[in-house]
Amino acid sequence: MNKREITKIWDKTSGHCHFCGEKLIFDHYGKNKFIKGNWNIDHIFPRAMGGYNNTANYLPICGECNGLKWHRTGKQIQELMRYGLVSLREKRSGSQIGKKISELYDLQQKANEARRRKVKK
């Protein structure tokens, strides 16, 4: 993809992630998802569902959202968000379930960090 096409995609959202609205940094296109302002190109209509590779079918997406969205279908993303809302409400209320969710979340974050360190070696 050439710079003109990348700029055309970038301009569609004025340099913001189409999923979360986070401000992106143009020069961080395709960079490691842990670099602030990094972004990629997302298919509006997924290829797995017949979408095509064309700038008309692309929007900018931050690395974190791209990682969360990854290969999930729209229904799976909706389910993820619904469960996330319930989990967050329980966490904020300080309930026993919320405390357990926080523990599980922390364990997942530690496992992710360990995996990333292993991959970097």
PDB file of N, CA and C in Angstrom:
ATOM      1  N   MET A   1       0.850  -1.172   0.000  1.00  0.00           N
ATOM      2  CA  MET A   1       0.000   0.000   0.000  1.00  0.00           C
ATOM      3  C   MET A   1       0.898   1.238   0.000  1.00  0.00           C
ATOM      4  N   ASN A   2       0.591   2.180  -0.840  1.00  0.00           N
ATOM      5  CA  ASN A   2       1.438   3.367  -0.927  1.00  0.00           C
ATOM      6  C   ASN A   2       0.972   4.447   0.064  1.00  0.00           C
ATOM      7  N   LYS A   3       1.816   5.473   0.218  1.00  0.00           N
ATOM      8  CA  LYS A   3       1.546   6.513   1.215  1.00  0.00           C
ATOM      9  C   LYS A   3       0.254   7.270   0.914  1.00  0.00           C
ATOM     10  N   ARG A   4      -0.066   7.474  -0.356  1.00  0.00           N
ATOM     11  CA  ARG A   4      -1.296   8.176  -0.730  1.00  0.00           C
ATOM     12  C   ARG A   4      -2.522   7.395  -0.252  1.00  0.00           C
ATOM     13  N   GLU A   5      -2.503   6.070  -0.421  1.00  0.00           N
ATOM     14  CA  GLU A   5      -3.623   5.232   0.026  1.00  0.00           C
ATOM     15  C   GLU A   5      -3.723   5.222   1.550  1.00  0.00           C
ATOM     16  N   ILE A   6      -2.573   5.136   2.198  1.00  0.00           N
ATOM     17  CA  ILE A   6      -2.562   5.145   3.669  1.00  0.00           C
ATOM     18  C   ILE A   6      -3.121   6.476   4.183  1.00  0.00           C
ATOM     19  N   THR A   7      -2.724   7.560   3.552  1.00  0.00           N
ATOM     20  CA  THR A   7      -3.229   8.888   3.943  1.00  0.00           C
ATOM     21  C   THR A   7      -4.736   8.983   3.730  1.00  0.00           C
ATOM     22  N   LYS A   8      -5.219   8.437   2.644  1.00  0.00           N
ATOM     23  CA  LYS A   8      -6.667   8.448   2.357  1.00  0.00           C
ATOM     24  C   LYS A   8      -7.442   7.720   3.466  1.00  0.00           C
ATOM     25  N   ILE A   9      -6.912   6.601   3.917  1.00  0.00           N
ATOM     26  CA  ILE A   9      -7.550   5.829   4.995  1.00  0.00           C
ATOM     27  C   ILE A   9      -7.495   6.625   6.300  1.00  0.00           C
ATOM     28  N   TRP A  10      -6.326   7.182   6.604  1.00  0.00           N
ATOM     29  CA  TRP A  10      -6.111   8.001   7.805  1.00  0.00           C
ATOM     30  C   TRP A  10      -7.111   9.154   7.873  1.00  0.00           C
ATOM     31  N   ASP A  11      -7.302   9.813   6.744  1.00  0.00           N
ATOM     32  CA  ASP A  11      -8.165  10.994   6.688  1.00  0.00           C
ATOM     33  C   ASP A  11      -9.638  10.680   6.959  1.00  0.00           C
ATOM     34  N   LYS A  12     -10.056   9.441   6.760  1.00  0.00           N
ATOM     35  CA  LYS A  12     -11.465   9.083   6.976  1.00  0.00           C
ATOM     36  C   LYS A  12     -11.922   9.350   8.401  1.00  0.00           C
ATOM     37  N   THR A  13     -10.991   9.216   9.362  1.00  0.00           N
ATOM     38  CA  THR A  13     -11.350   9.429  10.764  1.00  0.00           C
ATOM     39  C   THR A  13     -10.545  10.565  11.390  1.00  0.00           C
ATOM     40  N   SER A  14      -9.889  11.358  10.557  1.00  0.00           N
ATOM     41  CA  SER A  14      -9.030  12.458  11.037  1.00  0.00           C
ATOM     42  C   SER A  14      -7.989  11.953  12.030  1.00  0.00           C
ATOM     43  N   GLY A  15      -7.466  10.755  11.753  1.00  0.00           N
ATOM     44  CA  GLY A  15      -6.395  10.220  12.590  1.00  0.00           C
ATOM     45  C   GLY A  15      -6.823   9.662  13.929  1.00  0.00           C
ATOM     46  N   HIS A  16      -8.026   9.115  13.993  1.00  0.00           N
ATOM     47  CA  HIS A  16      -8.521   8.488  15.225  1.00  0.00           C
ATOM     48  C   HIS A  16      -8.900   7.044  14.936  1.00  0.00           C
ATOM     49  N   CYS A  17      -8.772   6.191  15.944  1.00  0.00           N
ATOM     50  CA  CYS A  17      -9.202   4.797  15.825  1.00  0.00           C
ATOM     51  C   CYS A  17     -10.712   4.778  15.587  1.00  0.00           C
ATOM     52  N   HIS A  18     -11.145   4.062  14.580  1.00  0.00           N
ATOM     53  CA  HIS A  18     -12.586   4.017  14.290  1.00  0.00           C
ATOM     54  C   HIS A  18     -13.348   3.222  15.331  1.00  0.00           C
ATOM     55  N   PHE A  19     -12.660   2.477  16.158  1.00  0.00           N
ATOM     56  CA  PHE A  19     -13.313   1.634  17.150  1.00  0.00           C
ATOM     57  C   PHE A  19     -13.450   2.340  18.502  1.00  0.00           C
ATOM     58  N   CYS A  20     -12.337   2.905  19.009  1.00  0.00           N
ATOM     59  CA  CYS A  20     -12.377   3.527  20.345  1.00  0.00           C
ATOM     60  C   CYS A  20     -12.238   5.043  20.320  1.00  0.00           C
ATOM     61  N   GLY A  21     -11.837   5.609  19.181  1.00  0.00           N
ATOM     62  CA  GLY A  21     -11.695   7.054  19.065  1.00  0.00           C
ATOM     63  C   GLY A  21     -10.353   7.598  19.504  1.00  0.00           C
ATOM     64  N   GLU A  22      -9.439   6.729  19.938  1.00  0.00           N
ATOM     65  CA  GLU A  22      -8.114   7.151  20.391  1.00  0.00           C
ATOM     66  C   GLU A  22      -7.375   7.886  19.272  1.00  0.00           C
ATOM     67  N   LYS A  23      -6.640   8.956  19.638  1.00  0.00           N
ATOM     68  CA  LYS A  23      -5.831   9.706  18.673  1.00  0.00           C
ATOM     69  C   LYS A  23      -4.635   8.846  18.270  1.00  0.00           C
ATOM     70  N   LEU A  24      -4.400   8.762  16.977  1.00  0.00           N
ATOM     71  CA  LEU A  24      -3.310   7.965  16.428  1.00  0.00           C
ATOM     72  C   LEU A  24      -2.197   8.880  15.930  1.00  0.00           C
ATOM     73  N   ILE A  25      -1.017   8.310  15.733  1.00  0.00           N
ATOM     74  CA  ILE A  25       0.118   9.056  15.191  1.00  0.00           C
ATOM     75  C   ILE A  25       0.415   8.489  13.812  1.00  0.00           C
ATOM     76  N   PHE A  26       0.308   9.332  12.793  1.00  0.00           N
ATOM     77  CA  PHE A  26       0.428   8.863  11.406  1.00  0.00           C
ATOM     78  C   PHE A  26       1.686   8.029  11.184  1.00  0.00           C
ATOM     79  N   ASP A  27       2.814   8.503  11.684  1.00  0.00           N
ATOM     80  CA  ASP A  27       4.084   7.807  11.460  1.00  0.00           C
ATOM     81  C   ASP A  27       4.207   6.504  12.241  1.00  0.00           C
ATOM     82  N   HIS A  28       3.237   6.207  13.089  1.00  0.00           N
ATOM     83  CA  HIS A  28       3.275   4.952  13.843  1.00  0.00           C
ATOM     84  C   HIS A  28       2.450   3.849  13.174  1.00  0.00           C
ATOM     85  N   TYR A  29       2.108   4.050  11.913  1.00  0.00           N
ATOM     86  CA  TYR A  29       1.380   3.026  11.160  1.00  0.00           C
ATOM     87  C   TYR A  29       2.207   1.736  11.096  1.00  0.00           C
ATOM     88  N   GLY A  30       1.576   0.629  11.465  1.00  0.00           N
ATOM     89  CA  GLY A  30       2.215  -0.681  11.382  1.00  0.00           C
ATOM     90  C   GLY A  30       3.253  -0.955  12.450  1.00  0.00           C
ATOM     91  N   LYS A  31       3.381  -0.077  13.429  1.00  0.00           N
ATOM     92  CA  LYS A  31       4.362  -0.270  14.500  1.00  0.00           C
ATOM     93  C   LYS A  31       3.828  -1.248  15.544  1.00  0.00           C
ATOM     94  N   ASN A  32       4.695  -1.642  16.445  1.00  0.00           N
ATOM     95  CA  ASN A  32       4.348  -2.517  17.558  1.00  0.00           C
ATOM     96  C   ASN A  32       3.137  -1.941  18.295  1.00  0.00           C
ATOM     97  N   LYS A  33       2.171  -2.804  18.624  1.00  0.00           N
ATOM     98  CA  LYS A  33       0.928  -2.319  19.230  1.00  0.00           C
ATOM     99  C   LYS A  33       1.115  -1.702  20.611  1.00  0.00           C
ATOM    100  N   PHE A  34       2.294  -1.830  21.199  1.00  0.00           N
ATOM    101  CA  PHE A  34       2.529  -1.262  22.519  1.00  0.00           C
ATOM    102  C   PHE A  34       3.170   0.124  22.440  1.00  0.00           C
ATOM    103  N   ILE A  35       3.368   0.630  21.233  1.00  0.00           N
ATOM    104  CA  ILE A  35       3.874   1.983  21.034  1.00  0.00           C
ATOM    105  C   ILE A  35       2.668   2.920  20.976  1.00  0.00           C
ATOM    106  N   LYS A  36       2.674   3.950  21.789  1.00  0.00           N
ATOM    107  CA  LYS A  36       1.539   4.875  21.847  1.00  0.00           C
ATOM    108  C   LYS A  36       1.261   5.465  20.466  1.00  0.00           C
ATOM    109  N   GLY A  37      -0.007   5.491  20.101  1.00  0.00           N
ATOM    110  CA  GLY A  37      -0.427   6.082  18.846  1.00  0.00           C
ATOM    111  C   GLY A  37      -0.285   5.171  17.636  1.00  0.00           C
ATOM    112  N   ASN A  38       0.115   3.920  17.858  1.00  0.00           N
ATOM    113  CA  ASN A  38       0.273   2.996  16.731  1.00  0.00           C
ATOM    114  C   ASN A  38      -1.081   2.658  16.135  1.00  0.00           C
ATOM    115  N   TRP A  39      -1.054   2.264  14.868  1.00  0.00           N
ATOM    116  CA  TRP A  39      -2.310   1.927  14.212  1.00  0.00           C
ATOM    117  C   TRP A  39      -2.083   0.997  13.037  1.00  0.00           C
ATOM    118  N   ASN A  40      -3.177   0.400  12.631  1.00  0.00           N
ATOM    119  CA  ASN A  40      -3.197  -0.493  11.483  1.00  0.00           C
ATOM    120  C   ASN A  40      -4.420  -0.157  10.649  1.00  0.00           C
ATOM    121  N   ILE A  41      -4.598  -0.929   9.613  1.00  0.00           N
ATOM    122  CA  ILE A  41      -5.746  -0.754   8.736  1.00  0.00           C
ATOM    123  C   ILE A  41      -6.709  -1.904   8.980  1.00  0.00           C
ATOM    124  N   ASP A  42      -7.964  -1.562   9.199  1.00  0.00           N
ATOM    125  CA  ASP A  42      -8.995  -2.542   9.516  1.00  0.00           C
ATOM    126  C   ASP A  42      -9.992  -2.630   8.364  1.00  0.00           C
ATOM    127  N   HIS A  43     -10.441  -3.839   8.102  1.00  0.00           N
ATOM    128  CA  HIS A  43     -11.492  -4.030   7.109  1.00  0.00           C
ATOM    129  C   HIS A  43     -12.840  -3.644   7.725  1.00  0.00           C
ATOM    130  N   ILE A  44     -13.600  -2.818   7.058  1.00  0.00           N
ATOM    131  CA  ILE A  44     -14.950  -2.477   7.508  1.00  0.00           C
ATOM    132  C   ILE A  44     -15.830  -3.720   7.387  1.00  0.00           C
ATOM    133  N   PHE A  45     -15.803  -4.301   6.219  1.00  0.00           N
ATOM    134  CA  PHE A  45     -16.522  -5.543   5.955  1.00  0.00           C
ATOM    135  C   PHE A  45     -15.463  -6.633   5.866  1.00  0.00           C
ATOM    136  N   PRO A  46     -15.380  -7.526   6.869  1.00  0.00           N
ATOM    137  CA  PRO A  46     -14.286  -8.504   6.937  1.00  0.00           C
ATOM    138  C   PRO A  46     -14.164  -9.374   5.685  1.00  0.00           C
ATOM    139  N   ARG A  47     -12.927  -9.683   5.364  1.00  0.00           N
ATOM    140  CA  ARG A  47     -12.672 -10.543   4.208  1.00  0.00           C
ATOM    141  C   ARG A  47     -13.341 -11.902   4.372  1.00  0.00           C
ATOM    142  N   ALA A  48     -13.367 -12.402   5.596  1.00  0.00           N
ATOM    143  CA  ALA A  48     -13.986 -13.709   5.857  1.00  0.00           C
ATOM    144  C   ALA A  48     -15.484 -13.707   5.531  1.00  0.00           C
ATOM    145  N   MET A  49     -16.060 -12.505   5.458  1.00  0.00           N
ATOM    146  CA  MET A  49     -17.486 -12.394   5.146  1.00  0.00           C
ATOM    147  C   MET A  49     -17.698 -11.807   3.746  1.00  0.00           C
ATOM    148  N   GLY A  50     -16.664 -11.895   2.925  1.00  0.00           N
ATOM    149  CA  GLY A  50     -16.791 -11.422   1.548  1.00  0.00           C
ATOM    150  C   GLY A  50     -16.281 -10.020   1.304  1.00  0.00           C
ATOM    151  N   GLY A  51     -15.703  -9.391   2.331  1.00  0.00           N
ATOM    152  CA  GLY A  51     -15.148  -8.052   2.168  1.00  0.00           C
ATOM    153  C   GLY A  51     -13.954  -8.068   1.233  1.00  0.00           C
ATOM    154  N   TYR A  52     -13.611  -6.932   0.723  1.00  0.00           N
ATOM    155  CA  TYR A  52     -12.560  -6.843  -0.287  1.00  0.00           C
ATOM    156  C   TYR A  52     -11.404  -5.980   0.214  1.00  0.00           C
ATOM    157  N   ASN A  53     -10.267  -6.136  -0.434  1.00  0.00           N
ATOM    158  CA  ASN A  53      -9.084  -5.332  -0.132  1.00  0.00           C
ATOM    159  C   ASN A  53      -9.091  -4.108  -1.034  1.00  0.00           C
ATOM    160  N   ASN A  54      -9.554  -2.999  -0.464  1.00  0.00           N
ATOM    161  CA  ASN A  54      -9.648  -1.756  -1.207  1.00  0.00           C
ATOM    162  C   ASN A  54      -9.776  -0.632  -0.187  1.00  0.00           C
ATOM    163  N   THR A  55      -9.223   0.522  -0.491  1.00  0.00           N
ATOM    164  CA  THR A  55      -9.279   1.637   0.470  1.00  0.00           C
ATOM    165  C   THR A  55     -10.707   1.984   0.871  1.00  0.00           C
ATOM    166  N   ALA A  56     -11.676   1.705   0.014  1.00  0.00           N
ATOM    167  CA  ALA A  56     -13.081   1.972   0.354  1.00  0.00           C
ATOM    168  C   ALA A  56     -13.553   1.073   1.499  1.00  0.00           C
ATOM    169  N   ASN A  57     -12.877  -0.051   1.714  1.00  0.00           N
ATOM    170  CA  ASN A  57     -13.261  -1.007   2.757  1.00  0.00           C
ATOM    171  C   ASN A  57     -12.324  -0.953   3.967  1.00  0.00           C
ATOM    172  N   TYR A  58     -11.544   0.099   4.110  1.00  0.00           N
ATOM    173  CA  TYR A  58     -10.567   0.209   5.194  1.00  0.00           C
ATOM    174  C   TYR A  58     -10.829   1.415   6.083  1.00  0.00           C
ATOM    175  N   LEU A  59     -10.515   1.248   7.370  1.00  0.00           N
ATOM    176  CA  LEU A  59     -10.514   2.339   8.336  1.00  0.00           C
ATOM    177  C   LEU A  59      -9.312   2.169   9.260  1.00  0.00           C
ATOM    178  N   PRO A  60      -8.809   3.264   9.854  1.00  0.00           N
ATOM    179  CA  PRO A  60      -7.722   3.152  10.825  1.00  0.00           C
ATOM    180  C   PRO A  60      -8.219   2.557  12.134  1.00  0.00           C
ATOM    181  N   ILE A  61      -7.377   1.732  12.734  1.00  0.00           N
ATOM    182  CA  ILE A  61      -7.703   1.128  14.026  1.00  0.00           C
ATOM    183  C   ILE A  61      -6.426   1.080  14.864  1.00  0.00           C
ATOM    184  N   CYS A  62      -6.526   1.415  16.144  1.00  0.00           N
ATOM    185  CA  CYS A  62      -5.339   1.355  17.002  1.00  0.00           C
ATOM    186  C   CYS A  62      -4.951  -0.106  17.222  1.00  0.00           C
ATOM    187  N   GLY A  63      -3.701  -0.310  17.586  1.00  0.00           N
ATOM    188  CA  GLY A  63      -3.197  -1.666  17.763  1.00  0.00           C
ATOM    189  C   GLY A  63      -3.936  -2.451  18.833  1.00  0.00           C
ATOM    190  N   GLU A  64      -4.307  -1.763  19.910  1.00  0.00           N
ATOM    191  CA  GLU A  64      -5.004  -2.463  20.992  1.00  0.00           C
ATOM    192  C   GLU A  64      -6.382  -2.942  20.546  1.00  0.00           C
ATOM    193  N   CYS A  65      -7.138  -2.077  19.893  1.00  0.00           N
ATOM    194  CA  CYS A  65      -8.463  -2.485  19.393  1.00  0.00           C
ATOM    195  C   CYS A  65      -8.332  -3.567  18.328  1.00  0.00           C
ATOM    196  N   ASN A  66      -7.331  -3.425  17.479  1.00  0.00           N
ATOM    197  CA  ASN A  66      -7.127  -4.423  16.440  1.00  0.00           C
ATOM    198  C   ASN A  66      -6.852  -5.787  17.063  1.00  0.00           C
ATOM    199  N   GLY A  67      -6.063  -5.792  18.148  1.00  0.00           N
ATOM    200  CA  GLY A  67      -5.779  -7.044  18.844  1.00  0.00           C
ATOM    201  C   GLY A  67      -7.013  -7.637  19.502  1.00  0.00           C
ATOM    202  N   LEU A  68      -7.863  -6.777  20.063  1.00  0.00           N
ATOM    203  CA  LEU A  68      -9.087  -7.265  20.698  1.00  0.00           C
ATOM    204  C   LEU A  68     -10.104  -7.731  19.663  1.00  0.00           C
ATOM    205  N   LYS A  69     -10.183  -7.009  18.580  1.00  0.00           N
ATOM    206  CA  LYS A  69     -11.144  -7.350  17.523  1.00  0.00           C
ATOM    207  C   LYS A  69     -10.682  -8.585  16.765  1.00  0.00           C
ATOM    208  N   TRP A  70      -9.432  -8.590  16.407  1.00  0.00           N
ATOM    209  CA  TRP A  70      -8.718  -9.648  15.707  1.00  0.00           C
ATOM    210  C   TRP A  70      -9.617 -10.394  14.731  1.00  0.00           C
ATOM    211  N   HIS A  71      -9.902 -11.649  14.982  1.00  0.00           N
ATOM    212  CA  HIS A  71     -10.681 -12.485  14.060  1.00  0.00           C
ATOM    213  C   HIS A  71     -12.136 -12.633  14.498  1.00  0.00           C
ATOM    214  N   ARG A  72     -12.533 -11.883  15.504  1.00  0.00           N
ATOM    215  CA  ARG A  72     -13.878 -12.054  16.042  1.00  0.00           C
ATOM    216  C   ARG A  72     -14.937 -11.504  15.095  1.00  0.00           C
ATOM    217  N   THR A  73     -16.073 -12.162  15.112  1.00  0.00           N
ATOM    218  CA  THR A  73     -17.219 -11.695  14.328  1.00  0.00           C
ATOM    219  C   THR A  73     -17.917 -10.575  15.098  1.00  0.00           C
ATOM    220  N   GLY A  74     -18.814  -9.879  14.435  1.00  0.00           N
ATOM    221  CA  GLY A  74     -19.582  -8.833  15.091  1.00  0.00           C
ATOM    222  C   GLY A  74     -20.333  -9.347  16.303  1.00  0.00           C
ATOM    223  N   LYS A  75     -20.946 -10.508  16.192  1.00  0.00           N
ATOM    224  CA  LYS A  75     -21.697 -11.096  17.322  1.00  0.00           C
ATOM    225  C   LYS A  75     -20.754 -11.402  18.485  1.00  0.00           C
ATOM    226  N   GLN A  76     -19.556 -11.894  18.178  1.00  0.00           N
ATOM    227  CA  GLN A  76     -18.596 -12.203  19.243  1.00  0.00           C
ATOM    228  C   GLN A  76     -18.119 -10.930  19.934  1.00  0.00           C
ATOM    229  N   ILE A  77     -17.941  -9.857  19.174  1.00  0.00           N
ATOM    230  CA  ILE A  77     -17.538  -8.578  19.775  1.00  0.00           C
ATOM    231  C   ILE A  77     -18.663  -8.048  20.659  1.00  0.00           C
ATOM    232  N   GLN A  78     -19.907  -8.179  20.221  1.00  0.00           N
ATOM    233  CA  GLN A  78     -21.043  -7.754  21.039  1.00  0.00           C
ATOM    234  C   GLN A  78     -21.089  -8.552  22.336  1.00  0.00           C
ATOM    235  N   GLU A  79     -20.884  -9.848  22.247  1.00  0.00           N
ATOM    236  CA  GLU A  79     -20.870 -10.695  23.444  1.00  0.00           C
ATOM    237  C   GLU A  79     -19.735 -10.271  24.380  1.00  0.00           C
ATOM    238  N   LEU A  80     -18.562 -10.035  23.818  1.00  0.00           N
ATOM    239  CA  LEU A  80     -17.416  -9.599  24.602  1.00  0.00           C
ATOM    240  C   LEU A  80     -17.730  -8.297  25.341  1.00  0.00           C
ATOM    241  N   MET A  81     -18.366  -7.371  24.655  1.00  0.00           N
ATOM    242  CA  MET A  81     -18.712  -6.095  25.285  1.00  0.00           C
ATOM    243  C   MET A  81     -19.776  -6.267  26.370  1.00  0.00           C
ATOM    244  N   ARG A  82     -20.753  -7.114  26.123  1.00  0.00           N
ATOM    245  CA  ARG A  82     -21.801  -7.328  27.141  1.00  0.00           C
ATOM    246  C   ARG A  82     -21.225  -7.964  28.398  1.00  0.00           C
ATOM    247  N   TYR A  83     -20.407  -8.996  28.218  1.00  0.00           N
ATOM    248  CA  TYR A  83     -19.764  -9.616  29.378  1.00  0.00           C
ATOM    249  C   TYR A  83     -18.834  -8.627  30.073  1.00  0.00           C
ATOM    250  N   GLY A  84     -18.160  -7.813  29.267  1.00  0.00           N
ATOM    251  CA  GLY A  84     -17.272  -6.807  29.839  1.00  0.00           C
ATOM    252  C   GLY A  84     -18.020  -5.806  30.699  1.00  0.00           C
ATOM    253  N   LEU A  85     -19.204  -5.380  30.256  1.00  0.00           N
ATOM    254  CA  LEU A  85     -20.008  -4.440  31.039  1.00  0.00           C
ATOM    255  C   LEU A  85     -20.441  -5.044  32.371  1.00  0.00           C
ATOM    256  N   VAL A  86     -20.860  -6.296  32.333  1.00  0.00           N
ATOM    257  CA  VAL A  86     -21.272  -6.977  33.571  1.00  0.00           C
ATOM    258  C   VAL A  86     -20.075  -7.105  34.504  1.00  0.00           C
ATOM    259  N   SER A  87     -18.949  -7.518  33.963  1.00  0.00           N
ATOM    260  CA  SER A  87     -17.730  -7.696  34.766  1.00  0.00           C
ATOM    261  C   SER A  87     -17.281  -6.384  35.379  1.00  0.00           C
ATOM    262  N   LEU A  88     -17.287  -5.327  34.596  1.00  0.00           N
ATOM    263  CA  LEU A  88     -16.861  -4.024  35.088  1.00  0.00           C
ATOM    264  C   LEU A  88     -17.788  -3.511  36.184  1.00  0.00           C
ATOM    265  N   ARG A  89     -19.080  -3.704  36.011  1.00  0.00           N
ATOM    266  CA  ARG A  89     -20.039  -3.287  37.032  1.00  0.00           C
ATOM    267  C   ARG A  89     -19.768  -4.030  38.348  1.00  0.00           C
ATOM    268  N   GLU A  90     -19.516  -5.332  38.255  1.00  0.00           N
ATOM    269  CA  GLU A  90     -19.228  -6.118  39.467  1.00  0.00           C
ATOM    270  C   GLU A  90     -17.922  -5.672  40.113  1.00  0.00           C
ATOM    271  N   LYS A  91     -16.914  -5.412  39.301  1.00  0.00           N
ATOM    272  CA  LYS A  91     -15.627  -4.952  39.826  1.00  0.00           C
ATOM    273  C   LYS A  91     -15.800  -3.636  40.569  1.00  0.00           C
ATOM    274  N   ARG A  92     -16.506  -2.697  39.944  1.00  0.00           N
ATOM    275  CA  ARG A  92     -16.695  -1.375  40.551  1.00  0.00           C
ATOM    276  C   ARG A  92     -17.536  -1.418  41.816  1.00  0.00           C
ATOM    277  N   SER A  93     -18.448  -2.400  41.894  1.00  0.00           N
ATOM    278  CA  SER A  93     -19.293  -2.503  43.091  1.00  0.00           C
ATOM    279  C   SER A  93     -18.541  -3.108  44.268  1.00  0.00           C
ATOM    280  N   GLY A  94     -17.395  -3.731  43.997  1.00  0.00           N
ATOM    281  CA  GLY A  94     -16.613  -4.357  45.066  1.00  0.00           C
ATOM    282  C   GLY A  94     -17.178  -5.689  45.517  1.00  0.00           C
ATOM    283  N   SER A  95     -18.061  -6.276  44.717  1.00  0.00           N
ATOM    284  CA  SER A  95     -18.660  -7.562  45.093  1.00  0.00           C
ATOM    285  C   SER A  95     -17.604  -8.666  45.077  1.00  0.00           C
ATOM    286  N   GLN A  96     -17.942  -9.795  45.683  1.00  0.00           N
ATOM    287  CA  GLN A  96     -17.023 -10.940  45.686  1.00  0.00           C
ATOM    288  C   GLN A  96     -16.735 -11.395  44.251  1.00  0.00           C
ATOM    289  N   ILE A  97     -17.757 -11.395  43.428  1.00  0.00           N
ATOM    290  CA  ILE A  97     -17.553 -11.765  42.020  1.00  0.00           C
ATOM    291  C   ILE A  97     -16.622 -10.756  41.358  1.00  0.00           C
ATOM    292  N   GLY A  98     -16.826  -9.481  41.640  1.00  0.00           N
ATOM    293  CA  GLY A  98     -15.969  -8.434  41.086  1.00  0.00           C
ATOM    294  C   GLY A  98     -14.524  -8.584  41.512  1.00  0.00           C
ATOM    295  N   LYS A  99     -14.320  -8.960  42.779  1.00  0.00           N
ATOM    296  CA  LYS A  99     -12.951  -9.178  43.271  1.00  0.00           C
ATOM    297  C   LYS A  99     -12.305 -10.363  42.555  1.00  0.00           C
ATOM    298  N   LYS A 100     -13.075 -11.413  42.349  1.00  0.00           N
ATOM    299  CA  LYS A 100     -12.555 -12.577  41.633  1.00  0.00           C
ATOM    300  C   LYS A 100     -12.236 -12.222  40.173  1.00  0.00           C
ATOM    301  N   ILE A 101     -13.104 -11.440  39.544  1.00  0.00           N
ATOM    302  CA  ILE A 101     -12.858 -10.986  38.169  1.00  0.00           C
ATOM    303  C   ILE A 101     -11.555 -10.191  38.116  1.00  0.00           C
ATOM    304  N   SER A 102     -11.333  -9.320  39.097  1.00  0.00           N
ATOM    305  CA  SER A 102     -10.099  -8.526  39.147  1.00  0.00           C
ATOM    306  C   SER A 102      -8.877  -9.431  39.289  1.00  0.00           C
ATOM    307  N   GLU A 103      -8.994 -10.446  40.136  1.00  0.00           N
ATOM    308  CA  GLU A 103      -7.887 -11.406  40.294  1.00  0.00           C
ATOM    309  C   GLU A 103      -7.589 -12.123  38.978  1.00  0.00           C
ATOM    310  N   LEU A 104      -8.635 -12.584  38.316  1.00  0.00           N
ATOM    311  CA  LEU A 104      -8.461 -13.281  37.041  1.00  0.00           C
ATOM    312  C   LEU A 104      -7.881 -12.356  35.973  1.00  0.00           C
ATOM    313  N   TYR A 105      -8.324 -11.122  35.975  1.00  0.00           N
ATOM    314  CA  TYR A 105      -7.803 -10.130  35.035  1.00  0.00           C
ATOM    315  C   TYR A 105      -6.299  -9.929  35.261  1.00  0.00           C
ATOM    316  N   ASP A 106      -5.917  -9.742  36.526  1.00  0.00           N
ATOM    317  CA  ASP A 106      -4.502  -9.545  36.847  1.00  0.00           C
ATOM    318  C   ASP A 106      -3.664 -10.751  36.433  1.00  0.00           C
ATOM    319  N   LEU A 107      -4.179 -11.949  36.669  1.00  0.00           N
ATOM    320  CA  LEU A 107      -3.463 -13.158  36.245  1.00  0.00           C
ATOM    321  C   LEU A 107      -3.294 -13.206  34.730  1.00  0.00           C
ATOM    322  N   GLN A 108      -4.336 -12.803  34.005  1.00  0.00           N
ATOM    323  CA  GLN A 108      -4.255 -12.789  32.542  1.00  0.00           C
ATOM    324  C   GLN A 108      -3.221 -11.777  32.061  1.00  0.00           C
ATOM    325  N   GLN A 109      -3.200 -10.601  32.704  1.00  0.00           N
ATOM    326  CA  GLN A 109      -2.226  -9.575  32.319  1.00  0.00           C
ATOM    327  C   GLN A 109      -0.803 -10.072  32.554  1.00  0.00           C
ATOM    328  N   LYS A 110      -0.565 -10.732  33.677  1.00  0.00           N
ATOM    329  CA  LYS A 110       0.768 -11.272  33.974  1.00  0.00           C
ATOM    330  C   LYS A 110       1.155 -12.354  32.972  1.00  0.00           C
ATOM    331  N   ALA A 111       0.206 -13.207  32.609  1.00  0.00           N
ATOM    332  CA  ALA A 111       0.483 -14.252  31.613  1.00  0.00           C
ATOM    333  C   ALA A 111       0.805 -13.622  30.262  1.00  0.00           C
ATOM    334  N   ASN A 112       0.077 -12.576  29.893  1.00  0.00           N
ATOM    335  CA  ASN A 112       0.347 -11.877  28.631  1.00  0.00           C
ATOM    336  C   ASN A 112       1.744 -11.269  28.629  1.00  0.00           C
ATOM    337  N   GLU A 113       2.120 -10.618  29.731  1.00  0.00           N
ATOM    338  CA  GLU A 113       3.441  -9.997  29.834  1.00  0.00           C
ATOM    339  C   GLU A 113       4.540 -11.051  29.750  1.00  0.00           C
ATOM    340  N   ALA A 114       4.347 -12.178  30.422  1.00  0.00           N
ATOM    341  CA  ALA A 114       5.344 -13.261  30.378  1.00  0.00           C
ATOM    342  C   ALA A 114       5.479 -13.806  28.958  1.00  0.00           C
ATOM    343  N   ARG A 115       4.363 -13.954  28.276  1.00  0.00           N
ATOM    344  CA  ARG A 115       4.393 -14.443  26.896  1.00  0.00           C
ATOM    345  C   ARG A 115       5.137 -13.471  25.984  1.00  0.00           C
ATOM    346  N   ARG A 116       4.883 -12.192  26.174  1.00  0.00           N
ATOM    347  CA  ARG A 116       5.552 -11.164  25.344  1.00  0.00           C
ATOM    348  C   ARG A 116       7.052 -11.152  25.591  1.00  0.00           C
ATOM    349  N   ARG A 117       7.447 -11.282  26.857  1.00  0.00           N
ATOM    350  CA  ARG A 117       8.885 -11.324  27.173  1.00  0.00           C
ATOM    351  C   ARG A 117       9.535 -12.526  26.511  1.00  0.00           C
ATOM    352  N   LYS A 118       8.839 -13.645  26.521  1.00  0.00           N
ATOM    353  CA  LYS A 118       9.347 -14.872  25.915  1.00  0.00           C
ATOM    354  C   LYS A 118       9.513 -14.714  24.407  1.00  0.00           C
ATOM    355  N   VAL A 119       8.541 -14.073  23.764  1.00  0.00           N
ATOM    356  CA  VAL A 119       8.581 -13.859  22.317  1.00  0.00           C
ATOM    357  C   VAL A 119       9.729 -12.926  21.940  1.00  0.00           C
ATOM    358  N   LYS A 120      10.007 -11.907  22.762  1.00  0.00           N
ATOM    359  CA  LYS A 120      11.063 -10.928  22.469  1.00  0.00           C
ATOM    360  C   LYS A 120      12.453 -11.557  22.506  1.00  0.00           C
ATOM    361  N   LYS A 121      12.628 -12.642  23.258  1.00  0.00           N
ATOM    362  CA  LYS A 121      13.949 -13.261  23.401  1.00  0.00           C
ATOM    363  C   LYS A 121      14.443 -13.866  22.127  1.00  0.00           C
TER     364      LYS A 121
END
